[in-house]
């Protein structure tokens, strides 16, 4: 099956340079353009990420406590993900799959809107979430908020799919565990008319990939280098959840048309 891929721009956040580029850019801040992705094919409307909650108070309070007020997430009302889907004429009940990478408030907050979707996340990430009491990077309630966790383990449990390190969502749509950024980080691969499109949070920008320069907020550099190598080898179009240059390359959001 061949898919179309569309970027959904969720808003901006600024982070210190060493968070994006390991041991580099010390005096700089970089603006990240947070993105979700809509992957569409015959009978498939898959979301990679669900975007931050409508109310950004809790998420921004956490970011400010770590990085200062400059790091606050900036978003217009129209950029809230359910609002974007409505503008595209896509009903929440038409979403068939939700792929969560990583497990963070900016990906998990709106999961409860998609009552018909298979919810896909890595088995490694799910296990880590439930077995780690203290972790310097993967805080429990900034990974999956309590109301979303209750939804996943009660109302939606029959639709939760724990992905193996190499898995196939449907023919032509695959995932593999990447690590690097978080224990739940994976790479999504979609076959399209333009070749294989990869989507990941394992690195943040094209520069990370081109220079083989790991992100600074990296849990394992060896995983980062392995993810870079595999993406360079397999991707015809390599995308991340954060690179604002992607918005310049695809100003209408369409990476590959869904009717190709």
Protein backbone atom coordinates (compact mmCIF):
# COMPACT_ATOMS: atom_id res chain seq x y z
CA UNK A 1 0.00 0.00 0.00
CA UNK A 2 1.19 3.53 -0.79
CA UNK A 3 0.48 6.38 1.61
CA UNK A 4 0.26 10.14 1.64
CA UNK A 5 1.96 12.09 4.41
CA UNK A 6 0.94 15.49 5.79
CA UNK A 7 2.62 17.65 8.45
CA UNK A 8 0.42 19.14 11.17
CA UNK A 9 2.29 22.07 12.73
CA UNK A 10 1.50 22.20 16.45
CA UNK A 11 3.43 25.30 17.56
CA UNK A 12 6.90 26.38 18.66
CA UNK A 13 9.21 26.01 21.61
CA UNK A 14 12.74 27.28 22.23
CA UNK A 15 15.43 25.16 23.85
CA UNK A 16 19.11 25.71 24.68
CA UNK A 17 21.59 24.68 21.99
CA UNK A 18 23.16 21.77 23.90
CA UNK A 19 19.73 20.12 24.15
CA UNK A 20 19.61 19.83 20.37
CA UNK A 21 23.32 19.27 19.63
CA UNK A 22 25.33 17.21 22.12
CA UNK A 23 28.11 19.25 23.78
CA UNK A 24 27.66 22.07 21.23
CA UNK A 25 25.99 25.45 20.59
CA UNK A 26 26.43 26.47 24.22
CA UNK A 27 25.49 30.14 23.83
CA UNK A 28 22.59 29.57 21.45
CA UNK A 29 18.90 28.82 21.67
CA UNK A 30 17.13 26.88 18.91
CA UNK A 31 13.48 27.10 17.96
CA UNK A 32 11.79 23.76 17.49
CA UNK A 33 8.62 23.50 15.41
CA UNK A 34 6.65 20.69 17.03
CA UNK A 35 4.81 18.56 14.50
CA UNK A 36 2.41 15.65 14.25
CA UNK A 37 1.87 13.70 11.03
CA UNK A 38 -1.17 12.38 9.22
CA UNK A 39 -0.50 9.25 7.16
CA UNK A 40 -3.34 8.33 4.79
CA UNK A 41 -3.95 5.36 2.54
CA UNK A 42 -6.81 3.07 1.60
CA UNK A 43 -8.81 2.58 4.80
CA UNK A 44 -6.03 4.14 6.92
CA UNK A 45 -5.91 7.51 8.69
CA UNK A 46 -2.92 7.23 11.03
CA UNK A 47 -1.63 9.95 13.32
CA UNK A 48 1.94 10.11 14.56
CA UNK A 49 1.42 12.03 17.80
CA UNK A 50 -1.72 13.76 19.07
CA UNK A 51 -0.25 17.13 20.05
CA UNK A 52 -0.29 19.08 23.33
CA UNK A 53 -3.51 19.54 25.30
CA UNK A 54 -5.83 22.46 24.67
CA UNK A 55 -4.76 23.89 28.05
CA UNK A 56 -0.97 24.33 27.97
CA UNK A 57 -0.66 25.43 31.61
CA UNK A 58 0.66 22.18 33.08
CA UNK A 59 3.10 21.46 30.26
CA UNK A 60 4.50 24.99 30.22
CA UNK A 61 4.89 25.05 33.99
CA UNK A 62 7.06 21.97 33.77
CA UNK A 63 9.14 23.33 30.91
CA UNK A 64 9.61 26.68 32.66
CA UNK A 65 10.75 24.99 35.86
CA UNK A 66 13.47 23.20 33.89
CA UNK A 67 14.53 25.73 31.24
CA UNK A 68 12.96 29.06 32.21
CA UNK A 69 10.07 31.08 30.77
CA UNK A 70 11.78 31.38 27.39
CA UNK A 71 11.03 27.69 26.80
CA UNK A 72 7.23 28.14 26.97
CA UNK A 73 5.33 26.44 24.18
CA UNK A 74 3.68 28.91 21.78
CA UNK A 75 0.58 27.91 19.84
CA UNK A 76 -2.48 29.48 18.24
CA UNK A 77 -5.95 28.04 18.88
CA UNK A 78 -6.05 26.82 15.28
CA UNK A 79 -2.92 24.73 15.82
CA UNK A 80 -4.52 22.50 18.46
CA UNK A 81 -4.52 19.13 16.73
CA UNK A 82 -8.25 18.28 16.92
CA UNK A 83 -8.97 21.73 15.45
CA UNK A 84 -6.58 21.03 12.57
CA UNK A 85 -8.28 17.73 11.78
CA UNK A 86 -11.64 19.50 11.77
CA UNK A 87 -10.31 22.04 9.27
CA UNK A 88 -9.20 19.16 7.05
CA UNK A 89 -12.65 17.60 7.24
CA UNK A 90 -11.39 14.56 9.15
CA UNK A 91 -13.58 13.35 11.98
CA UNK A 92 -11.93 12.10 15.15
CA UNK A 93 -13.75 8.78 14.74
CA UNK A 94 -12.13 8.36 11.30
CA UNK A 95 -8.63 8.07 12.77
CA UNK A 96 -7.69 4.38 12.52
CA UNK A 97 -4.28 4.40 14.23
CA UNK A 98 -2.44 6.60 16.71
CA UNK A 99 1.33 6.08 16.89
CA UNK A 100 2.97 7.53 19.98
CA UNK A 101 6.64 8.48 19.85
CA UNK A 102 7.93 9.49 22.32
CA UNK A 103 5.67 9.30 25.39
CA UNK A 104 5.48 12.98 26.30
CA UNK A 105 2.69 15.50 26.91
CA UNK A 106 3.13 16.94 23.41
CA UNK A 107 2.32 13.53 21.87
CA UNK A 108 -0.05 11.82 24.33
CA UNK A 109 -2.32 14.59 25.64
CA UNK A 110 -5.15 14.19 23.10
CA UNK A 111 -5.25 10.39 22.80
CA UNK A 112 -8.70 10.26 24.38
CA UNK A 113 -10.27 11.99 21.36
CA UNK A 114 -9.75 8.97 19.10
CA UNK A 115 -12.16 6.30 20.27
CA UNK A 116 -11.90 4.12 17.16
CA UNK A 117 -8.13 4.14 16.77
CA UNK A 118 -5.65 1.40 17.48
CA UNK A 119 -3.17 3.03 19.84
CA UNK A 120 0.38 1.93 19.05
CA UNK A 121 3.43 2.44 21.25
CA UNK A 122 6.60 0.49 21.83
CA UNK A 123 6.55 -2.39 24.26
CA UNK A 124 9.89 -1.12 25.58
CA UNK A 125 8.46 2.32 26.29
CA UNK A 126 5.34 0.94 27.98
CA UNK A 127 7.42 -1.39 30.15
CA UNK A 128 9.80 1.42 31.10
CA UNK A 129 6.88 3.68 32.04
CA UNK A 130 5.40 1.07 34.35
CA UNK A 131 8.61 -0.15 35.96
CA UNK A 132 10.62 3.06 36.52
CA UNK A 133 10.00 4.82 39.83
CA UNK A 134 12.60 7.56 39.37
CA UNK A 135 14.24 8.69 36.16
CA UNK A 136 16.01 11.99 35.37
CA UNK A 137 14.46 12.29 31.92
CA UNK A 138 11.25 10.24 31.75
CA UNK A 139 9.08 11.73 34.46
CA UNK A 140 5.90 9.71 34.89
CA UNK A 141 3.25 12.39 34.60
CA UNK A 142 4.97 14.37 31.87
CA UNK A 143 5.04 11.15 29.83
CA UNK A 144 1.40 10.08 30.10
CA UNK A 145 -0.98 12.30 32.10
CA UNK A 146 -3.18 10.49 34.65
CA UNK A 147 -6.42 10.88 32.70
CA UNK A 148 -4.81 9.46 29.54
CA UNK A 149 -3.25 6.56 31.47
CA UNK A 150 -6.67 5.72 32.92
CA UNK A 151 -8.15 5.81 29.41
CA UNK A 152 -5.42 3.55 28.00
CA UNK A 153 -5.71 0.95 30.75
CA UNK A 154 -9.52 0.93 30.95
CA UNK A 155 -11.69 2.26 28.10
CA UNK A 156 -9.10 1.83 25.35
CA UNK A 157 -7.15 -1.20 26.60
CA UNK A 158 -8.50 -3.53 23.90
CA UNK A 159 -7.20 -1.08 21.30
CA UNK A 160 -3.72 -0.61 22.80
CA UNK A 161 -1.06 -2.33 20.72
CA UNK A 162 2.42 -2.79 22.15
CA UNK A 163 4.89 -2.79 19.29
CA UNK A 164 7.87 -5.08 19.02
CA UNK A 165 11.30 -3.70 18.10
CA UNK A 166 10.44 -4.39 14.43
CA UNK A 167 6.74 -4.26 13.63
CA UNK A 168 4.19 -3.63 10.89
CA UNK A 169 1.09 -1.55 11.54
CA UNK A 170 -0.46 -2.39 8.16
CA UNK A 171 1.23 -3.35 4.89
CA UNK A 172 3.42 -0.43 3.85
CA UNK A 173 3.45 1.19 7.30
CA UNK A 174 6.18 -0.06 9.65
CA UNK A 175 7.90 0.88 12.89
CA UNK A 176 11.19 0.10 14.58
CA UNK A 177 12.45 0.92 18.03
CA UNK A 178 15.15 3.59 18.01
CA UNK A 179 15.76 4.63 21.60
CA UNK A 180 18.25 7.52 21.66
CA UNK A 181 15.84 10.24 22.83
CA UNK A 182 13.53 8.25 25.12
CA UNK A 183 12.91 4.58 25.89
CA UNK A 184 9.67 4.87 23.90
CA UNK A 185 11.24 6.48 20.82
CA UNK A 186 10.70 4.77 17.49
CA UNK A 187 10.95 5.40 13.77
CA UNK A 188 7.82 5.21 11.60
CA UNK A 189 8.33 4.19 7.96
CA UNK A 190 5.66 4.78 5.32
CA UNK A 191 5.85 3.59 1.73
CA UNK A 192 4.80 6.44 -0.57
CA UNK A 193 4.89 7.37 -4.25
CA UNK A 194 8.04 9.39 -3.44
CA UNK A 195 9.75 6.48 -1.68
CA UNK A 196 10.11 5.63 1.99
CA UNK A 197 9.23 8.46 4.38
CA UNK A 198 10.62 8.13 7.91
CA UNK A 199 9.30 10.03 10.93
CA UNK A 200 11.03 10.04 14.30
CA UNK A 201 11.93 11.90 17.48
CA UNK A 202 15.27 10.06 17.80
CA UNK A 203 16.94 13.17 16.37
CA UNK A 204 15.60 16.71 16.07
CA UNK A 205 16.97 18.32 12.90
CA UNK A 206 18.41 17.54 9.52
CA UNK A 207 21.75 18.72 10.88
CA UNK A 208 21.71 15.97 13.52
CA UNK A 209 21.35 13.43 10.74
CA UNK A 210 23.69 15.02 8.21
CA UNK A 211 26.54 15.62 10.65
CA UNK A 212 25.88 12.44 12.65
CA UNK A 213 25.64 14.74 15.68
CA UNK A 214 23.44 13.24 18.45
CA UNK A 215 20.88 15.32 20.25
CA UNK A 216 22.04 16.60 23.60
CA UNK A 217 19.01 15.31 25.48
CA UNK A 218 20.00 11.80 24.51
CA UNK A 219 19.66 8.73 26.70
CA UNK A 220 22.09 6.63 24.67
CA UNK A 221 24.55 7.96 22.08
CA UNK A 222 25.16 4.54 20.55
CA UNK A 223 21.43 4.20 19.87
CA UNK A 224 21.45 7.68 18.33
CA UNK A 225 24.27 6.84 15.93
CA UNK A 226 22.60 3.55 14.98
CA UNK A 227 19.30 5.32 14.31
CA UNK A 228 21.05 7.95 12.15
CA UNK A 229 22.77 5.25 10.11
CA UNK A 230 19.61 3.26 9.50
CA UNK A 231 17.54 6.32 8.56
CA UNK A 232 20.21 7.50 6.12
CA UNK A 233 20.25 4.03 4.58
CA UNK A 234 16.50 3.51 4.26
CA UNK A 235 14.79 6.90 3.95
CA UNK A 236 14.04 8.75 0.74
CA UNK A 237 12.46 11.52 2.81
CA UNK A 238 13.60 11.77 6.44
CA UNK A 239 11.37 13.79 8.78
CA UNK A 240 11.47 14.62 12.49
CA UNK A 241 8.91 15.86 14.97
CA UNK A 242 10.75 19.17 15.47
CA UNK A 243 12.67 20.58 12.48
CA UNK A 244 11.18 23.92 11.45
CA UNK A 245 12.89 23.76 8.06
CA UNK A 246 10.40 21.07 7.14
CA UNK A 247 7.70 23.75 7.24
CA UNK A 248 9.68 25.70 4.65
CA UNK A 249 10.18 22.65 2.44
CA UNK A 250 6.48 21.76 2.62
CA UNK A 251 4.67 25.10 3.11
CA UNK A 252 1.24 23.56 2.54
CA UNK A 253 2.05 20.70 4.89
CA UNK A 254 1.82 18.06 2.18
CA UNK A 255 4.95 15.89 2.02
CA UNK A 256 3.39 13.33 -0.33
CA UNK A 257 -0.20 13.71 -1.57
CA UNK A 258 -2.54 11.02 -0.28
CA UNK A 259 -3.98 10.37 -3.73
CA UNK A 260 -0.55 9.69 -5.33
